[in-house]
Amino acid sequence: MKGNGSTSHLSAEAFNLATGLEISHLAYKGSSPAVTDLLAGRVQVMFDTVLSASDV
């Protein structure tokens, strides 16, 4: 996820509220490092914008 208050962060928080889960927020400097960690299995889920996800 990206920084505090970003669209991705707020989407993840809404997901937490809707599902009762407690997903931790990890801030990344862009989508590429986050996708790298996602594919490597270091994080289990990623919330991203459509525009950022299509650029990766």
N, C-alpha and C. Protein backbone atom coordinates (compact mmCIF):
# COMPACT_ATOMS: atom_id res chain seq x y z
N MET A 1 0.83 -1.17 0.00
CA MET A 1 0.00 0.00 0.00
C MET A 1 0.88 1.23 0.00
N LYS A 2 0.28 2.33 -0.33
CA LYS A 2 1.01 3.58 -0.35
C LYS A 2 0.80 4.32 0.96
N GLY A 3 1.10 5.61 0.98
CA GLY A 3 1.11 6.41 2.20
C GLY A 3 -0.22 6.56 2.91
N ASN A 4 -0.13 7.07 4.13
CA ASN A 4 -1.32 7.31 4.95
C ASN A 4 -2.28 8.25 4.26
N GLY A 5 -3.55 7.88 4.24
CA GLY A 5 -4.59 8.72 3.66
C GLY A 5 -4.75 8.58 2.15
N SER A 6 -3.93 7.74 1.53
CA SER A 6 -4.06 7.54 0.08
C SER A 6 -5.32 6.73 -0.23
N THR A 7 -5.70 6.72 -1.48
CA THR A 7 -6.87 5.94 -1.90
C THR A 7 -6.70 4.47 -1.54
N SER A 8 -5.52 3.94 -1.76
CA SER A 8 -5.26 2.53 -1.44
C SER A 8 -5.38 2.27 0.05
N HIS A 9 -4.83 3.17 0.85
CA HIS A 9 -4.89 3.02 2.30
C HIS A 9 -6.34 3.08 2.79
N LEU A 10 -7.10 4.04 2.31
CA LEU A 10 -8.49 4.16 2.72
C LEU A 10 -9.33 2.97 2.26
N SER A 11 -9.02 2.43 1.09
CA SER A 11 -9.72 1.23 0.60
C SER A 11 -9.44 0.05 1.51
N ALA A 12 -8.21 -0.08 1.92
CA ALA A 12 -7.84 -1.19 2.83
C ALA A 12 -8.53 -1.03 4.18
N GLU A 13 -8.61 0.19 4.68
CA GLU A 13 -9.28 0.42 5.95
C GLU A 13 -10.78 0.13 5.84
N ALA A 14 -11.39 0.49 4.72
CA ALA A 14 -12.81 0.17 4.50
C ALA A 14 -13.00 -1.34 4.44
N PHE A 15 -12.06 -2.04 3.81
CA PHE A 15 -12.10 -3.50 3.76
C PHE A 15 -12.01 -4.08 5.17
N ASN A 16 -11.10 -3.54 5.99
CA ASN A 16 -10.97 -3.98 7.38
C ASN A 16 -12.29 -3.84 8.13
N LEU A 17 -12.93 -2.69 7.98
CA LEU A 17 -14.19 -2.46 8.67
C LEU A 17 -15.30 -3.38 8.18
N ALA A 18 -15.35 -3.60 6.88
CA ALA A 18 -16.41 -4.43 6.29
C ALA A 18 -16.26 -5.90 6.64
N THR A 19 -15.02 -6.37 6.81
CA THR A 19 -14.79 -7.79 7.03
C THR A 19 -14.46 -8.15 8.47
N GLY A 20 -14.12 -7.15 9.28
CA GLY A 20 -13.72 -7.43 10.65
C GLY A 20 -12.27 -7.88 10.78
N LEU A 21 -11.53 -7.83 9.68
CA LEU A 21 -10.11 -8.20 9.71
C LEU A 21 -9.27 -7.04 10.21
N GLU A 22 -8.04 -7.33 10.56
CA GLU A 22 -7.10 -6.29 10.99
C GLU A 22 -5.84 -6.39 10.14
N ILE A 23 -5.90 -5.87 8.93
CA ILE A 23 -4.75 -5.88 8.02
C ILE A 23 -3.86 -4.70 8.38
N SER A 24 -2.58 -4.93 8.52
CA SER A 24 -1.62 -3.87 8.85
C SER A 24 -1.26 -3.09 7.60
N HIS A 25 -1.05 -1.79 7.79
CA HIS A 25 -0.68 -0.90 6.69
C HIS A 25 0.84 -0.83 6.59
N LEU A 26 1.37 -1.10 5.42
CA LEU A 26 2.80 -0.95 5.13
C LEU A 26 2.95 0.06 4.02
N ALA A 27 3.64 1.15 4.28
CA ALA A 27 3.82 2.19 3.26
C ALA A 27 5.00 1.84 2.36
N TYR A 28 4.81 1.98 1.06
CA TYR A 28 5.86 1.75 0.06
C TYR A 28 6.07 3.01 -0.75
N LYS A 29 7.24 3.16 -1.32
CA LYS A 29 7.53 4.28 -2.22
C LYS A 29 7.18 3.86 -3.65
N GLY A 30 5.90 3.71 -3.91
CA GLY A 30 5.44 3.32 -5.23
C GLY A 30 4.96 1.88 -5.28
N SER A 31 4.32 1.55 -6.39
CA SER A 31 3.73 0.22 -6.56
C SER A 31 4.75 -0.86 -6.85
N SER A 32 5.81 -0.52 -7.56
CA SER A 32 6.79 -1.55 -7.97
C SER A 32 7.40 -2.30 -6.80
N PRO A 33 7.90 -1.62 -5.75
CA PRO A 33 8.44 -2.37 -4.61
C PRO A 33 7.37 -3.19 -3.90
N ALA A 34 6.14 -2.68 -3.86
CA ALA A 34 5.05 -3.41 -3.22
C ALA A 34 4.71 -4.68 -4.00
N VAL A 35 4.66 -4.58 -5.33
CA VAL A 35 4.38 -5.74 -6.16
C VAL A 35 5.50 -6.77 -6.02
N THR A 36 6.74 -6.30 -5.95
CA THR A 36 7.87 -7.21 -5.76
C THR A 36 7.70 -8.01 -4.47
N ASP A 37 7.35 -7.34 -3.38
CA ASP A 37 7.13 -8.04 -2.11
C ASP A 37 5.92 -8.95 -2.16
N LEU A 38 4.88 -8.54 -2.88
CA LEU A 38 3.69 -9.38 -3.03
C LEU A 38 4.03 -10.68 -3.77
N LEU A 39 4.74 -10.54 -4.88
CA LEU A 39 5.11 -11.73 -5.67
C LEU A 39 6.11 -12.62 -4.95
N ALA A 40 6.94 -12.02 -4.10
CA ALA A 40 7.92 -12.80 -3.34
C ALA A 40 7.30 -13.46 -2.10
N GLY A 41 6.06 -13.12 -1.80
CA GLY A 41 5.40 -13.72 -0.65
C GLY A 41 5.70 -13.03 0.67
N ARG A 42 6.32 -11.84 0.63
CA ARG A 42 6.63 -11.12 1.86
C ARG A 42 5.41 -10.38 2.40
N VAL A 43 4.43 -10.10 1.54
CA VAL A 43 3.13 -9.57 1.96
C VAL A 43 2.05 -10.42 1.31
N GLN A 44 0.90 -10.50 1.95
CA GLN A 44 -0.15 -11.40 1.47
C GLN A 44 -1.20 -10.71 0.61
N VAL A 45 -1.34 -9.41 0.73
CA VAL A 45 -2.38 -8.69 -0.01
C VAL A 45 -1.90 -7.28 -0.30
N MET A 46 -2.40 -6.72 -1.41
CA MET A 46 -2.03 -5.36 -1.80
C MET A 46 -3.25 -4.65 -2.34
N PHE A 47 -3.46 -3.42 -1.90
CA PHE A 47 -4.51 -2.57 -2.43
C PHE A 47 -3.81 -1.51 -3.27
N ASP A 48 -4.22 -1.36 -4.51
CA ASP A 48 -3.58 -0.43 -5.41
C ASP A 48 -4.64 0.24 -6.26
N THR A 49 -4.28 1.32 -6.92
CA THR A 49 -5.20 1.96 -7.84
C THR A 49 -5.12 1.25 -9.20
N VAL A 50 -6.15 1.38 -10.00
CA VAL A 50 -6.16 0.76 -11.32
C VAL A 50 -5.03 1.30 -12.17
N LEU A 51 -4.82 2.60 -12.13
CA LEU A 51 -3.78 3.21 -12.92
C LEU A 51 -2.38 2.70 -12.54
N SER A 52 -2.09 2.63 -11.25
CA SER A 52 -0.78 2.11 -10.81
C SER A 52 -0.63 0.64 -11.13
N ALA A 53 -1.67 -0.13 -10.94
CA ALA A 53 -1.59 -1.57 -11.19
C ALA A 53 -1.38 -1.87 -12.67
N SER A 54 -1.90 -1.04 -13.53
CA SER A 54 -1.74 -1.29 -14.96
C SER A 54 -0.35 -0.89 -15.46
N ASP A 55 0.38 -0.06 -14.71
CA ASP A 55 1.73 0.37 -15.08
C ASP A 55 2.81 -0.61 -14.65
N VAL A 56 2.50 -1.51 -13.74
CA VAL A 56 3.52 -2.39 -13.17
C VAL A 56 3.89 -3.49 -14.13
